[in-house]
Amino acid sequence: MSEAVAQAPKKEKEGIGVFIKETRAELDKTTFPDREEVRNTTIVVIVSVIFFGLYLFVADYIWVYLLDGLSWVINKIAGL
């Protein structure tokens, strides 16, 4: 066994009751958003997803158009 492991302080085993008590204490410190803040944040997320989805759709459509045109030019040059 390594020296670091041998010198590590031993933790006392705590029961489930202590865990629940500490968890409740931490939850009491937590603040949750109100209904209006949740609604506003949800709207921002939905609008952002729609915006970026449309952006990626248009960007993909442009790339497909450009690459199809490029392959057409290459085929004309190569005589295919």
N, C-alpha and C. Protein backbone atom coordinates (compact mmCIF):
# COMPACT_ATOMS: atom_id res chain seq x y z
N MET A 1 0.85 -1.17 0.00
CA MET A 1 0.00 0.00 0.00
C MET A 1 0.90 1.23 0.00
N SER A 2 0.54 2.23 -0.79
CA SER A 2 1.38 3.42 -0.88
C SER A 2 1.28 4.25 0.39
N GLU A 3 2.27 5.09 0.57
CA GLU A 3 2.32 5.92 1.77
C GLU A 3 1.17 6.92 1.81
N ALA A 4 0.82 7.49 0.64
CA ALA A 4 -0.25 8.50 0.59
C ALA A 4 -1.58 7.89 0.99
N VAL A 5 -1.83 6.67 0.55
CA VAL A 5 -3.08 6.00 0.89
C VAL A 5 -3.10 5.66 2.37
N ALA A 6 -1.98 5.23 2.89
CA ALA A 6 -1.91 4.85 4.30
C ALA A 6 -2.09 6.07 5.21
N GLN A 7 -1.66 7.25 4.75
CA GLN A 7 -1.74 8.45 5.58
C GLN A 7 -3.05 9.21 5.39
N ALA A 8 -3.85 8.83 4.43
CA ALA A 8 -5.11 9.54 4.18
C ALA A 8 -6.02 9.40 5.39
N PRO A 9 -6.68 10.50 5.77
CA PRO A 9 -7.57 10.42 6.93
C PRO A 9 -8.77 9.53 6.64
N LYS A 10 -9.15 8.77 7.61
CA LYS A 10 -10.29 7.87 7.46
C LYS A 10 -11.58 8.66 7.64
N LYS A 11 -12.54 8.43 6.76
CA LYS A 11 -13.84 9.09 6.87
C LYS A 11 -14.75 8.23 7.72
N GLU A 12 -15.50 8.90 8.55
CA GLU A 12 -16.49 8.17 9.33
C GLU A 12 -17.69 7.87 8.43
N LYS A 13 -18.23 6.71 8.58
CA LYS A 13 -19.42 6.37 7.81
C LYS A 13 -20.61 7.06 8.43
N GLU A 14 -21.35 7.75 7.57
CA GLU A 14 -22.52 8.46 8.05
C GLU A 14 -23.75 7.77 7.50
N GLY A 15 -24.80 7.79 8.24
CA GLY A 15 -26.02 7.11 7.84
C GLY A 15 -26.82 7.92 6.83
N ILE A 16 -27.87 7.29 6.35
CA ILE A 16 -28.75 7.92 5.38
C ILE A 16 -29.47 9.12 5.99
N GLY A 17 -29.71 9.08 7.29
CA GLY A 17 -30.38 10.19 7.96
C GLY A 17 -29.56 11.47 7.89
N VAL A 18 -28.24 11.35 8.08
CA VAL A 18 -27.36 12.51 8.00
C VAL A 18 -27.35 13.05 6.57
N PHE A 19 -27.34 12.14 5.61
CA PHE A 19 -27.35 12.55 4.20
C PHE A 19 -28.62 13.34 3.88
N ILE A 20 -29.76 12.84 4.32
CA ILE A 20 -31.03 13.53 4.05
C ILE A 20 -31.06 14.89 4.75
N LYS A 21 -30.57 14.95 5.97
CA LYS A 21 -30.54 16.21 6.71
C LYS A 21 -29.68 17.24 5.99
N GLU A 22 -28.50 16.84 5.53
CA GLU A 22 -27.60 17.75 4.83
C GLU A 22 -28.19 18.16 3.47
N THR A 23 -28.86 17.23 2.82
CA THR A 23 -29.49 17.54 1.54
C THR A 23 -30.59 18.57 1.71
N ARG A 24 -31.41 18.41 2.72
CA ARG A 24 -32.47 19.40 2.99
C ARG A 24 -31.88 20.76 3.32
N ALA A 25 -30.78 20.77 4.07
CA ALA A 25 -30.14 22.04 4.42
C ALA A 25 -29.64 22.75 3.16
N GLU A 26 -29.07 22.00 2.23
CA GLU A 26 -28.60 22.60 0.98
C GLU A 26 -29.76 23.07 0.12
N LEU A 27 -30.85 22.32 0.09
CA LEU A 27 -32.03 22.73 -0.68
C LEU A 27 -32.66 23.99 -0.11
N ASP A 28 -32.57 24.17 1.19
CA ASP A 28 -33.10 25.39 1.80
C ASP A 28 -32.31 26.62 1.36
N LYS A 29 -31.04 26.45 1.03
CA LYS A 29 -30.20 27.55 0.56
C LYS A 29 -30.47 27.88 -0.91
N THR A 30 -31.09 26.97 -1.62
CA THR A 30 -31.30 27.12 -3.05
C THR A 30 -32.50 28.01 -3.33
N THR A 31 -32.34 28.88 -4.34
CA THR A 31 -33.47 29.69 -4.79
C THR A 31 -33.89 29.20 -6.17
N PHE A 32 -35.16 29.05 -6.36
CA PHE A 32 -35.68 28.59 -7.64
C PHE A 32 -36.33 29.75 -8.37
N PRO A 33 -36.28 29.75 -9.71
CA PRO A 33 -36.88 30.85 -10.46
C PRO A 33 -38.40 30.84 -10.34
N ASP A 34 -38.98 32.03 -10.45
CA ASP A 34 -40.43 32.09 -10.41
C ASP A 34 -41.01 31.72 -11.79
N ARG A 35 -42.31 31.63 -11.85
CA ARG A 35 -43.00 31.16 -13.05
C ARG A 35 -42.69 32.05 -14.27
N GLU A 36 -42.67 33.37 -14.07
CA GLU A 36 -42.42 34.29 -15.18
C GLU A 36 -41.01 34.13 -15.74
N GLU A 37 -40.03 33.96 -14.86
CA GLU A 37 -38.65 33.78 -15.31
C GLU A 37 -38.49 32.49 -16.10
N VAL A 38 -39.14 31.43 -15.65
CA VAL A 38 -39.08 30.16 -16.38
C VAL A 38 -39.72 30.31 -17.76
N ARG A 39 -40.86 31.00 -17.81
CA ARG A 39 -41.55 31.22 -19.09
C ARG A 39 -40.69 32.03 -20.04
N ASN A 40 -40.09 33.11 -19.55
CA ASN A 40 -39.26 33.96 -20.40
C ASN A 40 -38.03 33.22 -20.90
N THR A 41 -37.40 32.45 -20.04
CA THR A 41 -36.23 31.68 -20.45
C THR A 41 -36.61 30.62 -21.47
N THR A 42 -37.76 30.00 -21.29
CA THR A 42 -38.23 28.99 -22.24
C THR A 42 -38.47 29.62 -23.61
N ILE A 43 -39.05 30.81 -23.63
CA ILE A 43 -39.28 31.50 -24.90
C ILE A 43 -37.96 31.82 -25.59
N VAL A 44 -36.98 32.28 -24.83
CA VAL A 44 -35.66 32.59 -25.40
C VAL A 44 -35.04 31.33 -26.01
N VAL A 45 -35.15 30.22 -25.31
CA VAL A 45 -34.58 28.96 -25.82
C VAL A 45 -35.28 28.53 -27.10
N ILE A 46 -36.61 28.59 -27.13
CA ILE A 46 -37.36 28.16 -28.31
C ILE A 46 -37.03 29.05 -29.50
N VAL A 47 -36.98 30.37 -29.30
CA VAL A 47 -36.65 31.29 -30.39
C VAL A 47 -35.23 31.04 -30.88
N SER A 48 -34.30 30.80 -29.97
CA SER A 48 -32.91 30.53 -30.36
C SER A 48 -32.80 29.25 -31.17
N VAL A 49 -33.51 28.21 -30.76
CA VAL A 49 -33.47 26.94 -31.49
C VAL A 49 -34.04 27.12 -32.89
N ILE A 50 -35.15 27.84 -33.01
CA ILE A 50 -35.74 28.08 -34.33
C ILE A 50 -34.78 28.89 -35.19
N PHE A 51 -34.19 29.94 -34.64
CA PHE A 51 -33.26 30.78 -35.39
C PHE A 51 -32.07 29.98 -35.91
N PHE A 52 -31.42 29.24 -35.02
CA PHE A 52 -30.24 28.49 -35.44
C PHE A 52 -30.61 27.33 -36.36
N GLY A 53 -31.78 26.75 -36.17
CA GLY A 53 -32.24 25.71 -37.10
C GLY A 53 -32.42 26.26 -38.50
N LEU A 54 -33.06 27.43 -38.60
CA LEU A 54 -33.23 28.06 -39.92
C LEU A 54 -31.89 28.47 -40.51
N TYR A 55 -31.00 28.99 -39.67
CA TYR A 55 -29.67 29.37 -40.15
C TYR A 55 -28.93 28.17 -40.73
N LEU A 56 -28.94 27.06 -40.01
CA LEU A 56 -28.26 25.86 -40.51
C LEU A 56 -28.92 25.31 -41.76
N PHE A 57 -30.24 25.40 -41.85
CA PHE A 57 -30.95 24.96 -43.04
C PHE A 57 -30.52 25.78 -44.25
N VAL A 58 -30.49 27.10 -44.10
CA VAL A 58 -30.09 27.97 -45.21
C VAL A 58 -28.62 27.75 -45.57
N ALA A 59 -27.76 27.64 -44.57
CA ALA A 59 -26.33 27.41 -44.84
C ALA A 59 -26.13 26.09 -45.57
N ASP A 60 -26.83 25.05 -45.16
CA ASP A 60 -26.73 23.75 -45.82
C ASP A 60 -27.24 23.84 -47.25
N TYR A 61 -28.35 24.52 -47.44
CA TYR A 61 -28.93 24.67 -48.78
C TYR A 61 -27.96 25.40 -49.71
N ILE A 62 -27.30 26.45 -49.20
CA ILE A 62 -26.32 27.19 -50.01
C ILE A 62 -25.14 26.31 -50.36
N TRP A 63 -24.63 25.54 -49.38
CA TRP A 63 -23.49 24.65 -49.65
C TRP A 63 -23.84 23.60 -50.70
N VAL A 64 -25.03 23.03 -50.60
CA VAL A 64 -25.45 22.02 -51.58
C VAL A 64 -25.53 22.66 -52.96
N TYR A 65 -26.09 23.86 -53.06
CA TYR A 65 -26.20 24.57 -54.33
C TYR A 65 -24.81 24.84 -54.91
N LEU A 66 -23.89 25.34 -54.08
CA LEU A 66 -22.54 25.64 -54.55
C LEU A 66 -21.80 24.38 -54.98
N LEU A 67 -21.91 23.32 -54.20
CA LEU A 67 -21.19 22.09 -54.55
C LEU A 67 -21.78 21.42 -55.78
N ASP A 68 -23.10 21.49 -55.96
CA ASP A 68 -23.70 20.97 -57.19
C ASP A 68 -23.22 21.76 -58.40
N GLY A 69 -23.14 23.07 -58.25
CA GLY A 69 -22.64 23.90 -59.34
C GLY A 69 -21.18 23.61 -59.63
N LEU A 70 -20.40 23.41 -58.61
CA LEU A 70 -18.99 23.09 -58.78
C LEU A 70 -18.82 21.75 -59.47
N SER A 71 -19.59 20.75 -59.07
CA SER A 71 -19.48 19.44 -59.73
C SER A 71 -19.93 19.53 -61.18
N TRP A 72 -20.94 20.37 -61.48
CA TRP A 72 -21.38 20.55 -62.86
C TRP A 72 -20.26 21.17 -63.70
N VAL A 73 -19.57 22.18 -63.15
CA VAL A 73 -18.46 22.83 -63.86
C VAL A 73 -17.33 21.84 -64.09
N ILE A 74 -17.00 21.06 -63.09
CA ILE A 74 -15.92 20.08 -63.23
C ILE A 74 -16.28 19.03 -64.27
N ASN A 75 -17.52 18.58 -64.28
CA ASN A 75 -17.95 17.60 -65.28
C ASN A 75 -17.90 18.20 -66.68
N LYS A 76 -18.25 19.47 -66.85
CA LYS A 76 -18.18 20.11 -68.17
C LYS A 76 -16.73 20.23 -68.63
N ILE A 77 -15.84 20.59 -67.71
CA ILE A 77 -14.43 20.73 -68.06
C ILE A 77 -13.84 19.37 -68.40
N ALA A 78 -14.19 18.35 -67.64
CA ALA A 78 -13.64 17.01 -67.86
C ALA A 78 -14.31 16.32 -69.04
N GLY A 79 -15.40 16.86 -69.53
CA GLY A 79 -16.09 16.28 -70.67
C GLY A 79 -16.94 15.08 -70.32
N LEU A 80 -17.41 15.02 -69.11
CA LEU A 80 -18.24 13.89 -68.70
C LEU A 80 -19.69 14.16 -68.94
